[in-house]
PDB file of N, CA and C in Angstrom:
ATOM      1  N   MET A   1     -11.818   4.075  -2.755  1.00  0.00           N
ATOM      2  CA  MET A   1     -10.800   4.099  -3.901  1.00  0.00           C
ATOM      3  C   MET A   1     -11.354   4.794  -5.082  1.00  0.00           C
ATOM      4  N   TYR A   2     -10.807   5.551  -5.863  1.00  0.00           N
ATOM      5  CA  TYR A   2     -11.248   6.365  -6.957  1.00  0.00           C
ATOM      6  C   TYR A   2     -10.404   6.042  -8.285  1.00  0.00           C
ATOM      7  N   VAL A   3     -11.008   5.931  -9.390  1.00  0.00           N
ATOM      8  CA  VAL A   3     -10.130   5.759 -10.590  1.00  0.00           C
ATOM      9  C   VAL A   3     -10.535   6.811 -11.506  1.00  0.00           C
ATOM     10  N   HIS A   4      -9.505   7.460 -11.978  1.00  0.00           N
ATOM     11  CA  HIS A   4      -9.584   8.721 -12.834  1.00  0.00           C
ATOM     12  C   HIS A   4      -8.973   8.422 -14.277  1.00  0.00           C
ATOM     13  N   GLN A   5      -9.867   8.542 -15.232  1.00  0.00           N
ATOM     14  CA  GLN A   5      -9.116   8.179 -16.658  1.00  0.00           C
ATOM     15  C   GLN A   5      -8.870   9.622 -17.211  1.00  0.00           C
ATOM     16  N   THR A   6      -7.665   9.606 -17.761  1.00  0.00           N
ATOM     17  CA  THR A   6      -7.157  10.663 -18.369  1.00  0.00           C
ATOM     18  C   THR A   6      -6.995  10.232 -19.884  1.00  0.00           C
ATOM     19  N   ALA A   7      -6.745  11.446 -20.681  1.00  0.00           N
ATOM     20  CA  ALA A   7      -6.465  11.186 -22.085  1.00  0.00           C
ATOM     21  C   ALA A   7      -5.260  10.304 -22.317  1.00  0.00           C
ATOM     22  N   SER A   8      -4.308  10.373 -21.554  1.00  0.00           N
ATOM     23  CA  SER A   8      -3.177   9.686 -21.502  1.00  0.00           C
ATOM     24  C   SER A   8      -2.811   8.382 -20.533  1.00  0.00           C
ATOM     25  N   GLY A   9      -3.681   8.147 -19.702  1.00  0.00           N
ATOM     26  CA  GLY A   9      -3.614   7.173 -18.779  1.00  0.00           C
ATOM     27  C   GLY A   9      -4.686   7.014 -17.760  1.00  0.00           C
ATOM     28  N   THR A  10      -4.352   6.313 -16.749  1.00  0.00           N
ATOM     29  CA  THR A  10      -5.198   5.923 -15.557  1.00  0.00           C
ATOM     30  C   THR A  10      -4.712   6.274 -14.159  1.00  0.00           C
ATOM     31  N   ILE A  11      -5.199   6.992 -13.260  1.00  0.00           N
ATOM     32  CA  ILE A  11      -4.827   7.161 -12.140  1.00  0.00           C
ATOM     33  C   ILE A  11      -5.730   6.456 -10.864  1.00  0.00           C
ATOM     34  N   ILE A  12      -5.146   5.682 -10.140  1.00  0.00           N
ATOM     35  CA  ILE A  12      -6.002   5.106  -9.150  1.00  0.00           C
ATOM     36  C   ILE A  12      -5.401   5.631  -7.734  1.00  0.00           C
ATOM     37  N   PHE A  13      -6.481   6.286  -6.868  1.00  0.00           N
ATOM     38  CA  PHE A  13      -6.065   6.596  -5.616  1.00  0.00           C
ATOM     39  C   PHE A  13      -7.136   6.567  -4.723  1.00  0.00           C
ATOM     40  N   THR A  14      -6.462   6.406  -3.448  1.00  0.00           N
ATOM     41  CA  THR A  14      -7.532   6.117  -2.473  1.00  0.00           C
ATOM     42  C   THR A  14      -7.305   7.259  -1.305  1.00  0.00           C
ATOM     43  N   VAL A  15      -8.389   7.818  -0.449  1.00  0.00           N
ATOM     44  CA  VAL A  15      -8.168   8.522   0.546  1.00  0.00           C
ATOM     45  C   VAL A  15      -8.562   7.875   1.839  1.00  0.00           C
ATOM     46  N   HIS A  16      -7.661   7.988   2.703  1.00  0.00           N
ATOM     47  CA  HIS A  16      -8.050   7.686   4.307  1.00  0.00           C
ATOM     48  C   HIS A  16      -7.631   8.475   5.338  1.00  0.00           C
ATOM     49  N   ILE A  17      -8.636   9.170   5.743  1.00  0.00           N
ATOM     50  CA  ILE A  17      -8.474  10.333   6.678  1.00  0.00           C
ATOM     51  C   ILE A  17      -7.717  11.538   6.038  1.00  0.00           C
ATOM     52  N   ASP A  18      -6.453  11.719   6.610  1.00  0.00           N
ATOM     53  CA  ASP A  18      -5.787  12.843   5.819  1.00  0.00           C
ATOM     54  C   ASP A  18      -4.519  11.914   4.882  1.00  0.00           C
ATOM     55  N   ASN A  19      -4.772  10.698   4.556  1.00  0.00           N
ATOM     56  CA  ASN A  19      -3.757  10.298   3.587  1.00  0.00           C
ATOM     57  C   ASN A  19      -4.274  10.117   2.274  1.00  0.00           C
ATOM     58  N   ILE A  20      -3.403  10.116   1.210  1.00  0.00           N
ATOM     59  CA  ILE A  20      -3.810   9.745  -0.197  1.00  0.00           C
ATOM     60  C   ILE A  20      -2.678   8.862  -0.716  1.00  0.00           C
ATOM     61  N   PHE A  21      -3.267   7.748  -1.266  1.00  0.00           N
ATOM     62  CA  PHE A  21      -2.366   6.926  -1.947  1.00  0.00           C
ATOM     63  C   PHE A  21      -2.774   6.845  -3.445  1.00  0.00           C
ATOM     64  N   SER A  22      -1.601   6.814  -4.154  1.00  0.00           N
ATOM     65  CA  SER A  22      -1.933   6.837  -5.683  1.00  0.00           C
ATOM     66  C   SER A  22      -1.059   5.974  -6.349  1.00  0.00           C
ATOM     67  N   ILE A  23      -1.353   5.735  -7.574  1.00  0.00           N
ATOM     68  CA  ILE A  23      -0.623   4.910  -8.390  1.00  0.00           C
ATOM     69  C   ILE A  23      -1.040   5.336  -9.914  1.00  0.00           C
ATOM     70  N   ALA A  24      -0.342   5.323 -10.982  1.00  0.00           N
ATOM     71  CA  ALA A  24      -0.817   5.708 -12.280  1.00  0.00           C
ATOM     72  C   ALA A  24      -0.234   4.922 -13.318  1.00  0.00           C
ATOM     73  N   ASN A  25      -0.715   4.816 -14.481  1.00  0.00           N
ATOM     74  CA  ASN A  25      -0.032   4.377 -15.642  1.00  0.00           C
ATOM     75  C   ASN A  25      -0.494   5.066 -16.718  1.00  0.00           C
ATOM     76  N   PRO A  26       0.436   5.847 -17.399  1.00  0.00           N
ATOM     77  CA  PRO A  26       1.904   5.672 -17.073  1.00  0.00           C
ATOM     78  C   PRO A  26       2.322   6.590 -15.812  1.00  0.00           C
ATOM     79  N   PRO A  27       3.500   6.533 -15.342  1.00  0.00           N
ATOM     80  CA  PRO A  27       3.740   6.920 -13.955  1.00  0.00           C
ATOM     81  C   PRO A  27       3.776   8.581 -14.088  1.00  0.00           C
ATOM     82  N   GLU A  28       3.957   9.083 -15.305  1.00  0.00           N
ATOM     83  CA  GLU A  28       3.958  10.585 -15.327  1.00  0.00           C
ATOM     84  C   GLU A  28       2.662  11.049 -14.846  1.00  0.00           C
ATOM     85  N   GLU A  29       1.439  10.415 -15.252  1.00  0.00           N
ATOM     86  CA  GLU A  29       0.202  10.670 -14.582  1.00  0.00           C
ATOM     87  C   GLU A  29       0.189  11.054 -13.188  1.00  0.00           C
ATOM     88  N   ASN A  30       0.749  10.224 -12.295  1.00  0.00           N
ATOM     89  CA  ASN A  30       0.967  10.278 -10.788  1.00  0.00           C
ATOM     90  C   ASN A  30       1.604  11.629 -10.569  1.00  0.00           C
ATOM     91  N   THR A  31       2.535  11.901 -11.238  1.00  0.00           N
ATOM     92  CA  THR A  31       3.184  13.085 -10.988  1.00  0.00           C
ATOM     93  C   THR A  31       2.442  14.456 -11.294  1.00  0.00           C
ATOM     94  N   LYS A  32       1.705  14.257 -12.460  1.00  0.00           N
ATOM     95  CA  LYS A  32       0.733  15.336 -12.562  1.00  0.00           C
ATOM     96  C   LYS A  32      -0.390  15.487 -11.662  1.00  0.00           C
ATOM     97  N   PHE A  33      -0.913  14.340 -11.068  1.00  0.00           N
ATOM     98  CA  PHE A  33      -1.855  14.205 -10.147  1.00  0.00           C
ATOM     99  C   PHE A  33      -1.518  14.778  -8.881  1.00  0.00           C
ATOM    100  N   TRP A  34      -0.220  14.868  -8.473  1.00  0.00           N
ATOM    101  CA  TRP A  34       0.509  15.397  -7.139  1.00  0.00           C
ATOM    102  C   TRP A  34       0.658  16.780  -7.534  1.00  0.00           C
ATOM    103  N   GLU A  35       1.073  17.195  -8.449  1.00  0.00           N
ATOM    104  CA  GLU A  35       1.386  18.558  -8.839  1.00  0.00           C
ATOM    105  C   GLU A  35      -0.047  19.370  -8.834  1.00  0.00           C
ATOM    106  N   LEU A  36      -1.259  18.731  -9.442  1.00  0.00           N
ATOM    107  CA  LEU A  36      -2.639  19.200  -9.075  1.00  0.00           C
ATOM    108  C   LEU A  36      -2.995  19.413  -7.623  1.00  0.00           C
ATOM    109  N   LEU A  37      -2.769  18.257  -7.007  1.00  0.00           N
ATOM    110  CA  LEU A  37      -3.127  18.519  -5.482  1.00  0.00           C
ATOM    111  C   LEU A  37      -2.329  19.873  -4.660  1.00  0.00           C
ATOM    112  N   LYS A  38      -0.927  19.580  -5.047  1.00  0.00           N
ATOM    113  CA  LYS A  38      -0.009  20.734  -4.529  1.00  0.00           C
ATOM    114  C   LYS A  38      -0.357  22.225  -4.709  1.00  0.00           C
ATOM    115  N   SER A  39      -1.037  22.418  -6.063  1.00  0.00           N
ATOM    116  CA  SER A  39      -1.419  23.496  -6.578  1.00  0.00           C
ATOM    117  C   SER A  39      -2.854  24.164  -5.699  1.00  0.00           C
ATOM    118  N   LYS A  40      -3.342  23.050  -5.206  1.00  0.00           N
ATOM    119  CA  LYS A  40      -4.754  23.460  -4.440  1.00  0.00           C
ATOM    120  C   LYS A  40      -4.529  23.722  -3.044  1.00  0.00           C
ATOM    121  N   TRP A  41      -3.655  22.815  -2.359  1.00  0.00           N
ATOM    122  CA  TRP A  41      -3.660  22.676  -0.887  1.00  0.00           C
ATOM    123  C   TRP A  41      -2.147  22.638  -0.719  1.00  0.00           C
ATOM    124  N   ASP A  42      -1.815  22.585   0.533  1.00  0.00           N
ATOM    125  CA  ASP A  42      -0.464  22.476   1.271  1.00  0.00           C
ATOM    126  C   ASP A  42      -0.438  21.101   1.778  1.00  0.00           C
ATOM    127  N   ILE A  43       0.117  20.254   0.807  1.00  0.00           N
ATOM    128  CA  ILE A  43       0.348  18.964   1.227  1.00  0.00           C
ATOM    129  C   ILE A  43       1.612  18.534   1.230  1.00  0.00           C
ATOM    130  N   SER A  44       2.165  17.347   1.802  1.00  0.00           N
ATOM    131  CA  SER A  44       3.406  16.848   2.152  1.00  0.00           C
ATOM    132  C   SER A  44       3.473  15.522   1.239  1.00  0.00           C
ATOM    133  N   ASP A  45       4.527  15.336   0.529  1.00  0.00           N
ATOM    134  CA  ASP A  45       4.648  14.116  -0.220  1.00  0.00           C
ATOM    135  C   ASP A  45       5.773  13.240   0.796  1.00  0.00           C
ATOM    136  N   LEU A  46       5.167  12.297   1.248  1.00  0.00           N
ATOM    137  CA  LEU A  46       6.122  11.459   2.041  1.00  0.00           C
ATOM    138  C   LEU A  46       6.850  10.362   1.224  1.00  0.00           C
ATOM    139  N   GLY A  47       6.669  10.422  -0.012  1.00  0.00           N
ATOM    140  CA  GLY A  47       7.460   9.273  -0.976  1.00  0.00           C
ATOM    141  C   GLY A  47       6.820   8.234  -1.151  1.00  0.00           C
ATOM    142  N   PRO A  48       7.511   7.125  -1.606  1.00  0.00           N
ATOM    143  CA  PRO A  48       6.912   5.888  -1.873  1.00  0.00           C
ATOM    144  C   PRO A  48       6.183   5.258  -0.594  1.00  0.00           C
ATOM    145  N   ILE A  49       5.136   4.678  -0.691  1.00  0.00           N
ATOM    146  CA  ILE A  49       4.451   3.977   0.635  1.00  0.00           C
ATOM    147  C   ILE A  49       5.209   2.832   0.882  1.00  0.00           C
ATOM    148  N   LYS A  50       5.266   2.631   2.296  1.00  0.00           N
ATOM    149  CA  LYS A  50       5.942   1.593   3.033  1.00  0.00           C
ATOM    150  C   LYS A  50       5.109   0.948   3.875  1.00  0.00           C
ATOM    151  N   PHE A  51       4.149   1.657   4.643  1.00  0.00           N
ATOM    152  CA  PHE A  51       3.434   1.248   5.606  1.00  0.00           C
ATOM    153  C   PHE A  51       2.126   1.920   5.719  1.00  0.00           C
ATOM    154  N   ALA A  52       0.873   1.349   5.703  1.00  0.00           N
ATOM    155  CA  ALA A  52      -0.335   2.036   5.907  1.00  0.00           C
ATOM    156  C   ALA A  52      -1.329   1.085   6.423  1.00  0.00           C
ATOM    157  N   LEU A  53      -2.207   1.802   7.261  1.00  0.00           N
ATOM    158  CA  LEU A  53      -3.293   1.013   7.853  1.00  0.00           C
ATOM    159  C   LEU A  53      -2.847  -0.412   8.461  1.00  0.00           C
ATOM    160  N   GLY A  54      -1.756  -0.415   9.009  1.00  0.00           N
ATOM    161  CA  GLY A  54      -1.273  -1.842   9.772  1.00  0.00           C
ATOM    162  C   GLY A  54      -0.698  -2.621   8.625  1.00  0.00           C
ATOM    163  N   ILE A  55      -0.401  -2.275   7.420  1.00  0.00           N
ATOM    164  CA  ILE A  55       0.135  -3.157   6.661  1.00  0.00           C
ATOM    165  C   ILE A  55       1.314  -2.771   5.920  1.00  0.00           C
ATOM    166  N   ALA A  56       2.143  -3.431   5.954  1.00  0.00           N
ATOM    167  CA  ALA A  56       3.481  -3.276   5.232  1.00  0.00           C
ATOM    168  C   ALA A  56       3.407  -3.479   3.863  1.00  0.00           C
ATOM    169  N   ILE A  57       4.007  -2.481   2.993  1.00  0.00           N
ATOM    170  CA  ILE A  57       3.759  -2.602   1.743  1.00  0.00           C
ATOM    171  C   ILE A  57       5.419  -2.654   1.058  1.00  0.00           C
ATOM    172  N   LYS A  58       5.543  -3.483   0.075  1.00  0.00           N
ATOM    173  CA  LYS A  58       6.715  -3.507  -0.699  1.00  0.00           C
ATOM    174  C   LYS A  58       6.479  -3.729  -1.998  1.00  0.00           C
ATOM    175  N   HIS A  59       7.055  -2.799  -2.811  1.00  0.00           N
ATOM    176  CA  HIS A  59       6.633  -2.876  -4.312  1.00  0.00           C
ATOM    177  C   HIS A  59       7.810  -2.565  -5.149  1.00  0.00           C
ATOM    178  N   ASN A  60       7.837  -2.978  -6.584  1.00  0.00           N
ATOM    179  CA  ASN A  60       8.557  -2.590  -7.651  1.00  0.00           C
ATOM    180  C   ASN A  60       7.892  -2.743  -8.888  1.00  0.00           C
ATOM    181  N   THR A  61       8.409  -2.649 -10.065  1.00  0.00           N
ATOM    182  CA  THR A  61       7.844  -2.569 -11.032  1.00  0.00           C
ATOM    183  C   THR A  61       7.153  -3.837 -11.542  1.00  0.00           C
ATOM    184  N   ASN A  62       7.389  -5.029 -10.776  1.00  0.00           N
ATOM    185  CA  ASN A  62       7.002  -6.248 -11.075  1.00  0.00           C
ATOM    186  C   ASN A  62       6.012  -6.754 -10.047  1.00  0.00           C
ATOM    187  N   MET A  63       5.858  -6.247  -8.940  1.00  0.00           N
ATOM    188  CA  MET A  63       5.100  -6.779  -7.845  1.00  0.00           C
ATOM    189  C   MET A  63       4.663  -5.881  -6.780  1.00  0.00           C
ATOM    190  N   ILE A  64       3.702  -6.441  -6.156  1.00  0.00           N
ATOM    191  CA  ILE A  64       3.246  -5.758  -4.847  1.00  0.00           C
ATOM    192  C   ILE A  64       3.369  -6.607  -3.891  1.00  0.00           C
ATOM    193  N   ALA A  65       3.850  -6.640  -2.771  1.00  0.00           N
ATOM    194  CA  ALA A  65       3.614  -7.495  -1.607  1.00  0.00           C
ATOM    195  C   ALA A  65       3.028  -6.800  -0.371  1.00  0.00           C
ATOM    196  N   LEU A  66       2.050  -7.431   0.334  1.00  0.00           N
ATOM    197  CA  LEU A  66       1.539  -6.911   1.445  1.00  0.00           C
ATOM    198  C   LEU A  66       1.629  -7.968   2.741  1.00  0.00           C
ATOM    199  N   SER A  67       1.945  -7.160   3.854  1.00  0.00           N
ATOM    200  CA  SER A  67       2.096  -8.103   5.002  1.00  0.00           C
ATOM    201  C   SER A  67       1.612  -7.461   6.289  1.00  0.00           C
ATOM    202  N   GLN A  68       1.306  -8.300   6.943  1.00  0.00           N
ATOM    203  CA  GLN A  68       0.581  -7.573   8.427  1.00  0.00           C
ATOM    204  C   GLN A  68       1.751  -8.289   9.584  1.00  0.00           C
ATOM    205  N   THR A  69       2.958  -8.589   9.021  1.00  0.00           N
ATOM    206  CA  THR A  69       3.759  -9.365  10.297  1.00  0.00           C
ATOM    207  C   THR A  69       3.742  -8.587  11.535  1.00  0.00           C
ATOM    208  N   ALA A  70       3.934  -6.963  11.349  1.00  0.00           N
ATOM    209  CA  ALA A  70       4.014  -6.306  12.820  1.00  0.00           C
ATOM    210  C   ALA A  70       2.905  -6.388  13.550  1.00  0.00           C
ATOM    211  N   PHE A  71       1.386  -6.520  12.954  1.00  0.00           N
ATOM    212  CA  PHE A  71       0.197  -6.645  13.605  1.00  0.00           C
ATOM    213  C   PHE A  71       0.150  -8.175  14.187  1.00  0.00           C
ATOM    214  N   ILE A  72       0.561  -9.048  13.321  1.00  0.00           N
ATOM    215  CA  ILE A  72       0.555 -10.458  13.981  1.00  0.00           C
ATOM    216  C   ILE A  72       1.484 -10.537  15.197  1.00  0.00           C
ATOM    217  N   ASP A  73       2.656  -9.884  15.205  1.00  0.00           N
ATOM    218  CA  ASP A  73       3.478  -9.952  16.189  1.00  0.00           C
ATOM    219  C   ASP A  73       3.066  -9.189  17.386  1.00  0.00           C
ATOM    220  N   HIS A  74       2.237  -8.206  17.301  1.00  0.00           N
ATOM    221  CA  HIS A  74       1.465  -7.641  18.290  1.00  0.00           C
ATOM    222  C   HIS A  74       0.508  -8.414  19.141  1.00  0.00           C
ATOM    223  N   LEU A  75      -0.255  -9.265  18.061  1.00  0.00           N
ATOM    224  CA  LEU A  75      -1.275  -9.928  18.933  1.00  0.00           C
ATOM    225  C   LEU A  75      -0.559 -11.218  19.629  1.00  0.00           C
ATOM    226  N   ILE A  76       0.343 -11.695  19.000  1.00  0.00           N
ATOM    227  CA  ILE A  76       1.229 -12.804  19.702  1.00  0.00           C
ATOM    228  C   ILE A  76       1.529 -12.317  21.065  1.00  0.00           C
ATOM    229  N   LYS A  77       1.998 -11.039  21.265  1.00  0.00           N
ATOM    230  CA  LYS A  77       2.521 -10.772  22.504  1.00  0.00           C
ATOM    231  C   LYS A  77       1.202 -10.210  23.573  1.00  0.00           C
ATOM    232  N   GLN A  78       0.271  -9.585  22.909  1.00  0.00           N
ATOM    233  CA  GLN A  78      -0.840  -9.333  23.602  1.00  0.00           C
ATOM    234  C   GLN A  78      -1.435 -10.351  24.176  1.00  0.00           C
ATOM    235  N   PHE A  79      -1.656 -11.522  23.431  1.00  0.00           N
ATOM    236  CA  PHE A  79      -2.199 -12.773  24.045  1.00  0.00           C
ATOM    237  C   PHE A  79      -1.195 -13.847  24.636  1.00  0.00           C
ATOM    238  N   ARG A  80      -0.021 -13.333  24.981  1.00  0.00           N
ATOM    239  CA  ARG A  80       0.829 -14.058  25.655  1.00  0.00           C
ATOM    240  C   ARG A  80       1.085 -15.671  24.737  1.00  0.00           C
ATOM    241  N   GLN A  81       1.276 -15.488  23.579  1.00  0.00           N
ATOM    242  CA  GLN A  81       1.407 -16.777  22.832  1.00  0.00           C
ATOM    243  C   GLN A  81       2.870 -16.650  22.149  1.00  0.00           C
ATOM    244  N   THR A  82       3.828 -16.073  22.698  1.00  0.00           N
ATOM    245  CA  THR A  82       5.306 -15.905  22.098  1.00  0.00           C
ATOM    246  C   THR A  82       6.141 -17.539  22.299  1.00  0.00           C
ATOM    247  N   ASN A  83       5.513 -18.414  23.030  1.00  0.00           N
ATOM    248  CA  ASN A  83       6.075 -19.629  23.320  1.00  0.00           C
ATOM    249  C   ASN A  83       5.242 -20.685  22.339  1.00  0.00           C
ATOM    250  N   ALA A  84       4.195 -20.139  21.693  1.00  0.00           N
ATOM    251  CA  ALA A  84       3.277 -21.213  20.805  1.00  0.00           C
ATOM    252  C   ALA A  84       4.184 -21.464  19.475  1.00  0.00           C
ATOM    253  N   HIS A  85       3.689 -22.616  19.273  1.00  0.00           N
ATOM    254  CA  HIS A  85       4.403 -23.160  17.997  1.00  0.00           C
ATOM    255  C   HIS A  85       3.804 -22.709  16.513  1.00  0.00           C
ATOM    256  N   ALA A  86       4.572 -22.427  15.515  1.00  0.00           N
ATOM    257  CA  ALA A  86       4.015 -21.868  14.339  1.00  0.00           C
ATOM    258  C   ALA A  86       3.560 -23.073  13.392  1.00  0.00           C
ATOM    259  N   ILE A  87       2.504 -22.939  12.608  1.00  0.00           N
ATOM    260  CA  ILE A  87       2.091 -24.098  11.697  1.00  0.00           C
ATOM    261  C   ILE A  87       2.207 -23.416  10.381  1.00  0.00           C
ATOM    262  N   ASN A  88       2.194 -24.238   9.553  1.00  0.00           N
ATOM    263  CA  ASN A  88       1.935 -23.733   7.906  1.00  0.00           C
ATOM    264  C   ASN A  88       0.661 -23.413   7.690  1.00  0.00           C
ATOM    265  N   MET A  89       0.413 -22.357   6.891  1.00  0.00           N
ATOM    266  CA  MET A  89      -1.052 -22.139   6.478  1.00  0.00           C
ATOM    267  C   MET A  89      -1.391 -22.933   5.250  1.00  0.00           C
ATOM    268  N   PRO A  90      -2.690 -23.180   4.789  1.00  0.00           N
ATOM    269  CA  PRO A  90      -2.908 -23.923   3.621  1.00  0.00           C
ATOM    270  C   PRO A  90      -2.398 -23.388   2.431  1.00  0.00           C
ATOM    271  N   MET A  91      -2.066 -21.933   2.299  1.00  0.00           N
ATOM    272  CA  MET A  91      -1.792 -21.398   1.092  1.00  0.00           C
ATOM    273  C   MET A  91      -0.190 -22.028   0.614  1.00  0.00           C
ATOM    274  N   VAL A  92      -0.012 -22.226  -0.619  1.00  0.00           N
ATOM    275  CA  VAL A  92       1.214 -22.577  -1.049  1.00  0.00           C
ATOM    276  C   VAL A  92       2.180 -21.575  -0.864  1.00  0.00           C
ATOM    277  N   ALA A  93       3.280 -21.611  -0.202  1.00  0.00           N
ATOM    278  CA  ALA A  93       4.419 -20.651  -0.123  1.00  0.00           C
ATOM    279  C   ALA A  93       4.963 -20.254  -1.695  1.00  0.00           C
ATOM    280  N   GLY A  94       4.993 -18.921  -1.850  1.00  0.00           N
ATOM    281  CA  GLY A  94       5.557 -18.416  -2.934  1.00  0.00           C
ATOM    282  C   GLY A  94       4.521 -18.312  -4.019  1.00  0.00           C
ATOM    283  N   LEU A  95       3.288 -18.601  -3.755  1.00  0.00           N
ATOM    284  CA  LEU A  95       2.219 -18.603  -4.563  1.00  0.00           C
ATOM    285  C   LEU A  95       2.040 -17.228  -5.370  1.00  0.00           C
ATOM    286  N   GLN A  96       2.059 -17.127  -6.576  1.00  0.00           N
ATOM    287  CA  GLN A  96       1.986 -15.654  -7.317  1.00  0.00           C
ATOM    288  C   GLN A  96       0.614 -15.656  -7.965  1.00  0.00           C
ATOM    289  N   LEU A  97      -0.349 -14.742  -7.536  1.00  0.00           N
ATOM    290  CA  LEU A  97      -1.633 -14.418  -8.125  1.00  0.00           C
ATOM    291  C   LEU A  97      -1.607 -13.556  -9.098  1.00  0.00           C
ATOM    292  N   CYS A  98      -2.258 -13.956 -10.138  1.00  0.00           N
ATOM    293  CA  CYS A  98      -2.305 -13.120 -11.364  1.00  0.00           C
ATOM    294  C   CYS A  98      -3.424 -12.591 -11.684  1.00  0.00           C
TER     295      CYS A  98
END
């Protein structure tokens, strides 16, 4: 993960193999960042992130939600636990971390 400060904002980006994920404040900094990358290399912008490294990602201006439901479902099938009974985790449902 990298953090780059500019005169007008902050860009946070991470690189994994051939993928780059970025976020910036203000959002215009992210646009400038991608334009700079595109001026140096032939890259594809796949739009807002939805899934990466086995993690589903949902986001809007107020929140970011991460989920590994697909991975959990895969493990349940792999270990033949489709008939197992679900239990509640000790975390409070709907907890919002600040």
